[in-house]
PDB file of N, CA and C in Angstrom:
ATOM      1  N   MET A   1       0.933  -1.327   0.262  1.00  0.00           N
ATOM      2  CA  MET A   1      -0.145  -0.111   0.243  1.00  0.00           C
ATOM      3  C   MET A   1       1.006   1.075  -0.313  1.00  0.00           C
ATOM      4  N   LEU A   2       0.355   2.059  -0.859  1.00  0.00           N
ATOM      5  CA  LEU A   2       1.514   3.323  -0.876  1.00  0.00           C
ATOM      6  C   LEU A   2       0.885   4.312   0.320  1.00  0.00           C
ATOM      7  N   ILE A   3       2.210   4.530   0.887  1.00  0.00           N
ATOM      8  CA  ILE A   3       1.747   5.629   2.039  1.00  0.00           C
ATOM      9  C   ILE A   3       2.227   7.471   2.083  1.00  0.00           C
ATOM     10  N   ASN A   4       0.952   7.761   1.125  1.00  0.00           N
ATOM     11  CA  ASN A   4       1.788   9.438   1.025  1.00  0.00           C
ATOM     12  C   ASN A   4       0.952  10.638   2.364  1.00  0.00           C
ATOM     13  N   GLN A   5       1.190  11.230   2.188  1.00  0.00           N
ATOM     14  CA  GLN A   5       0.346  12.250   2.945  1.00  0.00           C
ATOM     15  C   GLN A   5      -1.054  12.254   3.332  1.00  0.00           C
ATOM     16  N   GLU A   6      -1.718  12.201   1.560  1.00  0.00           N
ATOM     17  CA  GLU A   6      -2.833  11.857   1.857  1.00  0.00           C
ATOM     18  C   GLU A   6      -3.699  10.934   2.417  1.00  0.00           C
ATOM     19  N   VAL A   7      -2.578  10.282   2.795  1.00  0.00           N
ATOM     20  CA  VAL A   7      -3.003   9.128   3.260  1.00  0.00           C
ATOM     21  C   VAL A   7      -3.633   9.385   4.989  1.00  0.00           C
ATOM     22  N   LEU A   8      -2.162   9.281   5.133  1.00  0.00           N
ATOM     23  CA  LEU A   8      -1.946   9.865   6.556  1.00  0.00           C
ATOM     24  C   LEU A   8      -3.092  10.764   7.247  1.00  0.00           C
ATOM     25  N   LYS A   9      -3.056  11.951   6.066  1.00  0.00           N
ATOM     26  CA  LYS A   9      -4.233  13.365   6.336  1.00  0.00           C
ATOM     27  C   LYS A   9      -5.726  12.461   6.775  1.00  0.00           C
ATOM     28  N   ARG A  10      -5.633  11.549   5.923  1.00  0.00           N
ATOM     29  CA  ARG A  10      -7.007  10.678   5.898  1.00  0.00           C
ATOM     30  C   ARG A  10      -7.458  10.191   7.176  1.00  0.00           C
ATOM     31  N   VAL A  11      -5.911   9.284   7.726  1.00  0.00           N
ATOM     32  CA  VAL A  11      -6.361   8.382   9.202  1.00  0.00           C
ATOM     33  C   VAL A  11      -6.192   9.325  10.144  1.00  0.00           C
ATOM     34  N   ALA A  12      -5.529  10.482   9.740  1.00  0.00           N
ATOM     35  CA  ALA A  12      -5.451  11.087  11.015  1.00  0.00           C
ATOM     36  C   ALA A  12      -7.006  11.615  11.526  1.00  0.00           C
ATOM     37  N   LYS A  13      -7.238  11.953  10.039  1.00  0.00           N
ATOM     38  CA  LYS A  13      -8.734  12.675  10.544  1.00  0.00           C
ATOM     39  C   LYS A  13      -9.645  11.507  10.722  1.00  0.00           C
ATOM     40  N   ASN A  14      -9.888  10.292  10.659  1.00  0.00           N
ATOM     41  CA  ASN A  14     -10.817   9.386  11.392  1.00  0.00           C
ATOM     42  C   ASN A  14     -10.258   9.010  12.119  1.00  0.00           C
ATOM     43  N   SER A  15      -9.055   8.971  12.778  1.00  0.00           N
ATOM     44  CA  SER A  15      -8.591   9.197  14.262  1.00  0.00           C
ATOM     45  C   SER A  15      -9.200  10.110  15.047  1.00  0.00           C
ATOM     46  N   ARG A  16      -9.326  11.241  14.681  1.00  0.00           N
ATOM     47  CA  ARG A  16      -9.985  12.353  15.103  1.00  0.00           C
ATOM     48  C   ARG A  16      -8.569  13.201  15.639  1.00  0.00           C
ATOM     49  N   LEU A  17      -7.525  13.282  15.192  1.00  0.00           N
ATOM     50  CA  LEU A  17      -6.057  13.650  15.456  1.00  0.00           C
ATOM     51  C   LEU A  17      -5.633  15.071  14.563  1.00  0.00           C
ATOM     52  N   ASN A  18      -5.562  15.801  15.545  1.00  0.00           N
ATOM     53  CA  ASN A  18      -5.128  17.154  14.676  1.00  0.00           C
ATOM     54  C   ASN A  18      -3.700  17.830  14.441  1.00  0.00           C
ATOM     55  N   LEU A  19      -2.944  16.953  13.385  1.00  0.00           N
ATOM     56  CA  LEU A  19      -1.911  16.819  13.180  1.00  0.00           C
ATOM     57  C   LEU A  19      -1.501  18.322  12.261  1.00  0.00           C
ATOM     58  N   SER A  20      -0.208  18.586  12.531  1.00  0.00           N
ATOM     59  CA  SER A  20       0.184  19.660  11.656  1.00  0.00           C
ATOM     60  C   SER A  20       1.067  19.562  10.705  1.00  0.00           C
ATOM     61  N   GLU A  21       1.139  20.120   9.621  1.00  0.00           N
ATOM     62  CA  GLU A  21       2.166  19.767   8.452  1.00  0.00           C
ATOM     63  C   GLU A  21       3.433  19.386   8.939  1.00  0.00           C
ATOM     64  N   SER A  22       3.828  19.810   9.639  1.00  0.00           N
ATOM     65  CA  SER A  22       5.587  19.592  10.023  1.00  0.00           C
ATOM     66  C   SER A  22       5.215  17.705  10.445  1.00  0.00           C
ATOM     67  N   GLU A  23       4.143  17.643  11.573  1.00  0.00           N
ATOM     68  CA  GLU A  23       3.796  15.831  11.746  1.00  0.00           C
ATOM     69  C   GLU A  23       2.923  14.948  11.134  1.00  0.00           C
ATOM     70  N   ILE A  24       3.074  15.627   9.945  1.00  0.00           N
ATOM     71  CA  ILE A  24       2.764  14.728   8.804  1.00  0.00           C
ATOM     72  C   ILE A  24       3.571  14.555   8.249  1.00  0.00           C
ATOM     73  N   GLY A  25       4.634  15.284   7.986  1.00  0.00           N
ATOM     74  CA  GLY A  25       5.516  15.117   7.637  1.00  0.00           C
ATOM     75  C   GLY A  25       6.840  14.251   7.931  1.00  0.00           C
ATOM     76  N   GLU A  26       6.320  14.236   9.349  1.00  0.00           N
ATOM     77  CA  GLU A  26       7.399  13.501   9.808  1.00  0.00           C
ATOM     78  C   GLU A  26       6.985  12.136   9.920  1.00  0.00           C
ATOM     79  N   PHE A  27       5.702  11.865  10.037  1.00  0.00           N
ATOM     80  CA  PHE A  27       4.963  10.619  10.573  1.00  0.00           C
ATOM     81  C   PHE A  27       4.847  10.034   9.129  1.00  0.00           C
ATOM     82  N   THR A  28       4.961  10.724   8.019  1.00  0.00           N
ATOM     83  CA  THR A  28       3.781   9.733   6.815  1.00  0.00           C
ATOM     84  C   THR A  28       5.274   8.811   6.572  1.00  0.00           C
ATOM     85  N   PRO A  29       7.104   8.780   6.671  1.00  0.00           N
ATOM     86  CA  PRO A  29       7.849   8.026   6.139  1.00  0.00           C
ATOM     87  C   PRO A  29       7.693   7.233   7.672  1.00  0.00           C
ATOM     88  N   GLN A  30       7.301   7.190   8.966  1.00  0.00           N
ATOM     89  CA  GLN A  30       7.611   6.260  10.263  1.00  0.00           C
ATOM     90  C   GLN A  30       6.444   5.460   9.926  1.00  0.00           C
ATOM     91  N   LEU A  31       5.003   5.352   9.387  1.00  0.00           N
ATOM     92  CA  LEU A  31       3.928   4.940   8.808  1.00  0.00           C
ATOM     93  C   LEU A  31       4.587   3.648   7.996  1.00  0.00           C
ATOM     94  N   ARG A  32       5.016   4.361   6.979  1.00  0.00           N
ATOM     95  CA  ARG A  32       5.379   3.430   5.640  1.00  0.00           C
ATOM     96  C   ARG A  32       6.202   2.666   6.286  1.00  0.00           C
ATOM     97  N   ASP A  33       7.727   2.941   7.294  1.00  0.00           N
ATOM     98  CA  ASP A  33       8.609   1.595   7.939  1.00  0.00           C
ATOM     99  C   ASP A  33       7.572   0.951   8.341  1.00  0.00           C
ATOM    100  N   VAL A  34       6.696   1.020   9.126  1.00  0.00           N
ATOM    101  CA  VAL A  34       5.536   0.332  10.307  1.00  0.00           C
ATOM    102  C   VAL A  34       5.101  -0.887   9.353  1.00  0.00           C
ATOM    103  N   LEU A  35       4.123  -0.174   8.393  1.00  0.00           N
ATOM    104  CA  LEU A  35       3.904  -1.199   7.430  1.00  0.00           C
ATOM    105  C   LEU A  35       4.735  -1.760   6.463  1.00  0.00           C
ATOM    106  N   GLU A  36       5.683  -1.280   6.023  1.00  0.00           N
ATOM    107  CA  GLU A  36       6.563  -2.516   5.477  1.00  0.00           C
ATOM    108  C   GLU A  36       6.747  -3.744   6.386  1.00  0.00           C
ATOM    109  N   PHE A  37       7.143  -3.425   7.642  1.00  0.00           N
ATOM    110  CA  PHE A  37       7.538  -4.057   8.532  1.00  0.00           C
ATOM    111  C   PHE A  37       6.664  -5.323   8.669  1.00  0.00           C
ATOM    112  N   PHE A  38       5.465  -4.688   8.502  1.00  0.00           N
ATOM    113  CA  PHE A  38       4.219  -5.996   9.263  1.00  0.00           C
ATOM    114  C   PHE A  38       4.458  -6.659   7.754  1.00  0.00           C
ATOM    115  N   GLU A  39       4.628  -6.117   6.638  1.00  0.00           N
ATOM    116  CA  GLU A  39       4.338  -7.090   4.806  1.00  0.00           C
ATOM    117  C   GLU A  39       5.247  -8.130   4.686  1.00  0.00           C
ATOM    118  N   LYS A  40       6.540  -7.194   5.918  1.00  0.00           N
ATOM    119  CA  LYS A  40       7.811  -8.539   5.860  1.00  0.00           C
ATOM    120  C   LYS A  40       7.472  -9.717   7.455  1.00  0.00           C
ATOM    121  N   LEU A  41       6.687  -9.514   8.075  1.00  0.00           N
ATOM    122  CA  LEU A  41       6.080 -10.370   8.965  1.00  0.00           C
ATOM    123  C   LEU A  41       5.691 -11.387   8.619  1.00  0.00           C
ATOM    124  N   LYS A  42       4.476 -10.621   7.561  1.00  0.00           N
ATOM    125  CA  LYS A  42       3.020 -12.059   6.825  1.00  0.00           C
ATOM    126  C   LYS A  42       4.017 -12.883   6.115  1.00  0.00           C
ATOM    127  N   LYS A  43       5.411 -12.558   5.771  1.00  0.00           N
ATOM    128  CA  LYS A  43       5.929 -13.465   4.682  1.00  0.00           C
ATOM    129  C   LYS A  43       6.892 -14.781   6.159  1.00  0.00           C
ATOM    130  N   VAL A  44       6.619 -14.133   7.164  1.00  0.00           N
ATOM    131  CA  VAL A  44       7.457 -16.057   8.404  1.00  0.00           C
ATOM    132  C   VAL A  44       6.753 -16.587   8.190  1.00  0.00           C
ATOM    133  N   PRO A  45       7.379 -18.041   8.186  1.00  0.00           N
ATOM    134  CA  PRO A  45       7.077 -19.028   8.036  1.00  0.00           C
ATOM    135  C   PRO A  45       5.959 -19.474   9.815  1.00  0.00           C
ATOM    136  N   GLN A  46       5.022 -19.740   9.902  1.00  0.00           N
ATOM    137  CA  GLN A  46       4.419 -19.982  11.304  1.00  0.00           C
ATOM    138  C   GLN A  46       4.429 -21.531  11.355  1.00  0.00           C
ATOM    139  N   ALA A  47       4.682 -21.756  12.687  1.00  0.00           N
ATOM    140  CA  ALA A  47       4.604 -22.915  13.442  1.00  0.00           C
ATOM    141  C   ALA A  47       3.422 -22.906  14.296  1.00  0.00           C
ATOM    142  N   GLU A  48       3.231 -24.085  14.770  1.00  0.00           N
ATOM    143  CA  GLU A  48       1.790 -24.608  15.768  1.00  0.00           C
ATOM    144  C   GLU A  48       2.993 -23.829  17.236  1.00  0.00           C
ATOM    145  N   VAL A  49       2.588 -23.195  18.012  1.00  0.00           N
ATOM    146  CA  VAL A  49       3.286 -22.801  18.902  1.00  0.00           C
ATOM    147  C   VAL A  49       2.132 -22.834  20.380  1.00  0.00           C
ATOM    148  N   SER A  50       3.143 -23.391  20.890  1.00  0.00           N
ATOM    149  CA  SER A  50       2.176 -23.872  22.418  1.00  0.00           C
ATOM    150  C   SER A  50       2.307 -23.143  23.800  1.00  0.00           C
ATOM    151  N   ILE A  51       1.993 -22.019  24.441  1.00  0.00           N
ATOM    152  CA  ILE A  51       2.470 -21.716  25.688  1.00  0.00           C
ATOM    153  C   ILE A  51       2.209 -22.325  26.639  1.00  0.00           C
ATOM    154  N   HIS A  52       1.722 -23.568  26.538  1.00  0.00           N
ATOM    155  CA  HIS A  52       1.405 -24.306  27.949  1.00  0.00           C
ATOM    156  C   HIS A  52       2.041 -25.699  27.409  1.00  0.00           C
ATOM    157  N   PRO A  53       2.943 -26.069  28.549  1.00  0.00           N
ATOM    158  CA  PRO A  53       3.709 -27.214  28.538  1.00  0.00           C
ATOM    159  C   PRO A  53       3.241 -28.256  28.906  1.00  0.00           C
ATOM    160  N   VAL A  54       1.904 -27.942  29.407  1.00  0.00           N
ATOM    161  CA  VAL A  54       1.041 -29.609  29.609  1.00  0.00           C
ATOM    162  C   VAL A  54      -0.398 -29.519  28.497  1.00  0.00           C
ATOM    163  N   SER A  55      -0.934 -30.082  28.279  1.00  0.00           N
ATOM    164  CA  SER A  55      -2.195 -29.637  27.259  1.00  0.00           C
ATOM    165  C   SER A  55      -3.300 -29.624  28.171  1.00  0.00           C
ATOM    166  N   ILE A  56      -3.986 -28.343  28.131  1.00  0.00           N
ATOM    167  CA  ILE A  56      -5.222 -28.131  28.734  1.00  0.00           C
ATOM    168  C   ILE A  56      -6.379 -28.680  28.385  1.00  0.00           C
ATOM    169  N   GLU A  57      -7.360 -29.049  29.248  1.00  0.00           N
ATOM    170  CA  GLU A  57      -8.479 -29.638  28.661  1.00  0.00           C
ATOM    171  C   GLU A  57      -9.573 -29.291  29.858  1.00  0.00           C
ATOM    172  N   ASN A  58     -10.469 -29.042  29.617  1.00  0.00           N
ATOM    173  CA  ASN A  58     -11.609 -28.690  30.656  1.00  0.00           C
ATOM    174  C   ASN A  58     -12.111 -30.181  31.727  1.00  0.00           C
ATOM    175  N   VAL A  59     -12.083 -30.284  32.930  1.00  0.00           N
ATOM    176  CA  VAL A  59     -12.548 -31.135  34.071  1.00  0.00           C
ATOM    177  C   VAL A  59     -13.703 -30.821  34.588  1.00  0.00           C
ATOM    178  N   TYR A  60     -14.723 -31.860  34.360  1.00  0.00           N
ATOM    179  CA  TYR A  60     -15.760 -31.532  34.393  1.00  0.00           C
ATOM    180  C   TYR A  60     -16.267 -32.518  35.821  1.00  0.00           C
ATOM    181  N   ARG A  61     -16.782 -32.206  36.698  1.00  0.00           N
ATOM    182  CA  ARG A  61     -16.970 -32.549  37.944  1.00  0.00           C
ATOM    183  C   ARG A  61     -19.084 -33.270  37.514  1.00  0.00           C
ATOM    184  N   GLU A  62     -19.004 -34.639  38.388  1.00  0.00           N
ATOM    185  CA  GLU A  62     -20.905 -34.896  37.848  1.00  0.00           C
ATOM    186  C   GLU A  62     -21.467 -33.714  39.255  1.00  0.00           C
ATOM    187  N   ASP A  63     -22.019 -33.165  38.724  1.00  0.00           N
ATOM    188  CA  ASP A  63     -23.593 -32.780  39.598  1.00  0.00           C
ATOM    189  C   ASP A  63     -23.666 -33.606  40.814  1.00  0.00           C
ATOM    190  N   LEU A  64     -23.783 -33.009  41.807  1.00  0.00           N
ATOM    191  CA  LEU A  64     -24.673 -33.609  42.858  1.00  0.00           C
ATOM    192  C   LEU A  64     -25.522 -33.545  43.686  1.00  0.00           C
ATOM    193  N   VAL A  65     -26.893 -34.151  43.581  1.00  0.00           N
ATOM    194  CA  VAL A  65     -27.773 -33.016  44.442  1.00  0.00           C
ATOM    195  C   VAL A  65     -27.870 -33.052  45.961  1.00  0.00           C
ATOM    196  N   GLU A  66     -27.590 -32.222  46.596  1.00  0.00           N
ATOM    197  CA  GLU A  66     -27.248 -32.061  48.041  1.00  0.00           C
ATOM    198  C   GLU A  66     -28.194 -31.457  48.880  1.00  0.00           C
ATOM    199  N   ASN A  67     -28.351 -31.632  50.012  1.00  0.00           N
ATOM    200  CA  ASN A  67     -29.826 -30.911  50.837  1.00  0.00           C
ATOM    201  C   ASN A  67     -29.190 -29.224  51.131  1.00  0.00           C
ATOM    202  N   SER A  68     -30.286 -28.516  50.986  1.00  0.00           N
ATOM    203  CA  SER A  68     -29.438 -27.342  51.196  1.00  0.00           C
ATOM    204  C   SER A  68     -30.004 -26.279  52.560  1.00  0.00           C
ATOM    205  N   LEU A  69     -30.228 -25.496  53.044  1.00  0.00           N
ATOM    206  CA  LEU A  69     -29.909 -25.167  54.291  1.00  0.00           C
ATOM    207  C   LEU A  69     -31.716 -24.676  54.025  1.00  0.00           C
ATOM    208  N   HIS A  70     -32.515 -25.138  55.208  1.00  0.00           N
ATOM    209  CA  HIS A  70     -33.489 -24.189  55.223  1.00  0.00           C
ATOM    210  C   HIS A  70     -34.078 -22.837  55.395  1.00  0.00           C
ATOM    211  N   ARG A  71     -34.973 -22.320  54.912  1.00  0.00           N
ATOM    212  CA  ARG A  71     -34.623 -20.653  54.899  1.00  0.00           C
ATOM    213  C   ARG A  71     -34.676 -19.980  55.953  1.00  0.00           C
ATOM    214  N   ASP A  72     -35.531 -20.561  57.027  1.00  0.00           N
ATOM    215  CA  ASP A  72     -34.580 -20.059  59.057  1.00  0.00           C
ATOM    216  C   ASP A  72     -33.630 -20.450  59.125  1.00  0.00           C
ATOM    217  N   GLU A  73     -32.830 -21.661  58.190  1.00  0.00           N
ATOM    218  CA  GLU A  73     -31.485 -21.927  59.295  1.00  0.00           C
ATOM    219  C   GLU A  73     -30.457 -20.397  58.410  1.00  0.00           C
ATOM    220  N   ALA A  74     -31.064 -20.656  57.347  1.00  0.00           N
ATOM    221  CA  ALA A  74     -29.893 -19.517  56.456  1.00  0.00           C
ATOM    222  C   ALA A  74     -29.804 -17.853  56.831  1.00  0.00           C
ATOM    223  N   LEU A  75     -31.466 -17.821  57.732  1.00  0.00           N
ATOM    224  CA  LEU A  75     -31.624 -16.357  57.706  1.00  0.00           C
ATOM    225  C   LEU A  75     -31.415 -16.240  59.447  1.00  0.00           C
ATOM    226  N   LYS A  76     -31.155 -17.058  60.184  1.00  0.00           N
ATOM    227  CA  LYS A  76     -31.064 -17.049  61.788  1.00  0.00           C
ATOM    228  C   LYS A  76     -29.881 -16.171  62.165  1.00  0.00           C
ATOM    229  N   ASN A  77     -28.894 -15.816  61.485  1.00  0.00           N
ATOM    230  CA  ASN A  77     -27.934 -14.678  61.686  1.00  0.00           C
ATOM    231  C   ASN A  77     -27.888 -13.532  61.311  1.00  0.00           C
ATOM    232  N   VAL A  78     -29.486 -13.169  59.911  1.00  0.00           N
ATOM    233  CA  VAL A  78     -29.201 -11.962  59.526  1.00  0.00           C
ATOM    234  C   VAL A  78     -30.098 -10.988  59.918  1.00  0.00           C
ATOM    235  N   LYS A  79     -29.297 -10.213  59.983  1.00  0.00           N
ATOM    236  CA  LYS A  79     -29.715  -8.637  60.971  1.00  0.00           C
ATOM    237  C   LYS A  79     -30.757  -7.881  60.226  1.00  0.00           C
ATOM    238  N   TYR A  80     -31.065  -7.652  58.923  1.00  0.00           N
ATOM    239  CA  TYR A  80     -31.785  -7.204  58.521  1.00  0.00           C
ATOM    240  C   TYR A  80     -32.747  -8.229  57.626  1.00  0.00           C
ATOM    241  N   GLN A  81     -34.008  -8.424  57.984  1.00  0.00           N
ATOM    242  CA  GLN A  81     -35.000  -9.233  57.215  1.00  0.00           C
ATOM    243  C   GLN A  81     -36.321  -8.967  56.731  1.00  0.00           C
ATOM    244  N   ASN A  82     -37.361  -9.524  55.939  1.00  0.00           N
ATOM    245  CA  ASN A  82     -38.243  -8.946  55.665  1.00  0.00           C
ATOM    246  C   ASN A  82     -38.786  -9.636  54.927  1.00  0.00           C
ATOM    247  N   ASN A  83     -39.928 -10.668  55.111  1.00  0.00           N
ATOM    248  CA  ASN A  83     -40.691 -11.623  54.339  1.00  0.00           C
ATOM    249  C   ASN A  83     -40.328 -12.962  54.328  1.00  0.00           C
ATOM    250  N   GLY A  84     -39.237 -13.379  55.132  1.00  0.00           N
ATOM    251  CA  GLY A  84     -37.827 -14.308  54.801  1.00  0.00           C
ATOM    252  C   GLY A  84     -36.947 -13.715  53.503  1.00  0.00           C
ATOM    253  N   ARG A  85     -36.858 -12.618  53.586  1.00  0.00           N
ATOM    254  CA  ARG A  85     -35.766 -12.839  52.826  1.00  0.00           C
ATOM    255  C   ARG A  85     -34.648 -11.358  53.511  1.00  0.00           C
ATOM    256  N   ILE A  86     -33.820 -11.508  52.421  1.00  0.00           N
ATOM    257  CA  ILE A  86     -32.669 -10.991  52.977  1.00  0.00           C
ATOM    258  C   ILE A  86     -33.112  -9.010  52.531  1.00  0.00           C
ATOM    259  N   ARG A  87     -32.737  -8.275  53.500  1.00  0.00           N
ATOM    260  CA  ARG A  87     -32.836  -6.707  53.440  1.00  0.00           C
ATOM    261  C   ARG A  87     -31.969  -6.578  53.762  1.00  0.00           C
ATOM    262  N   GLY A  88     -31.496  -5.505  52.257  1.00  0.00           N
ATOM    263  CA  GLY A  88     -30.251  -4.902  51.666  1.00  0.00           C
ATOM    264  C   GLY A  88     -30.656  -3.300  52.058  1.00  0.00           C
ATOM    265  N   PRO A  89     -29.016  -2.987  51.800  1.00  0.00           N
ATOM    266  CA  PRO A  89     -28.579  -1.341  51.871  1.00  0.00           C
ATOM    267  C   PRO A  89     -30.105  -0.691  50.653  1.00  0.00           C
ATOM    268  N   ARG A  90     -30.609   0.380  50.962  1.00  0.00           N
ATOM    269  CA  ARG A  90     -31.185   1.203  50.053  1.00  0.00           C
ATOM    270  C   ARG A  90     -30.475   1.796  48.851  1.00  0.00           C
ATOM    271  N   THR A  91     -30.564   1.717  48.007  1.00  0.00           N
ATOM    272  CA  THR A  91     -29.712   2.253  46.351  1.00  0.00           C
ATOM    273  C   THR A  91     -30.763   2.982  45.850  1.00  0.00           C
ATOM    274  N   ILE A  92     -29.957   4.010  45.351  1.00  0.00           N
ATOM    275  CA  ILE A  92     -30.517   4.963  44.534  1.00  0.00           C
ATOM    276  C   ILE A  92     -30.276   5.353  43.066  1.00  0.00           C
TER     277      ILE A  92
END
């Protein structure tokens, strides 16, 4: 892709950057160099890389149905309650 000052002005406008003419002159070759480097990176052969030395897999446990607390037992230490429910602080 050809990077010139017009392209940089368009990118700056889309990015809502107010670049001066001197900044546009300074950044145009820098942007061109960055994009050329990305083109070089596209040519690098890619290999399968794993960042984990051990394979990762999901471990699921079986759901077990257990008895839960009765409502009165669950609410016995609750300071503020209303009709069998915990009453929290008022929010606005």
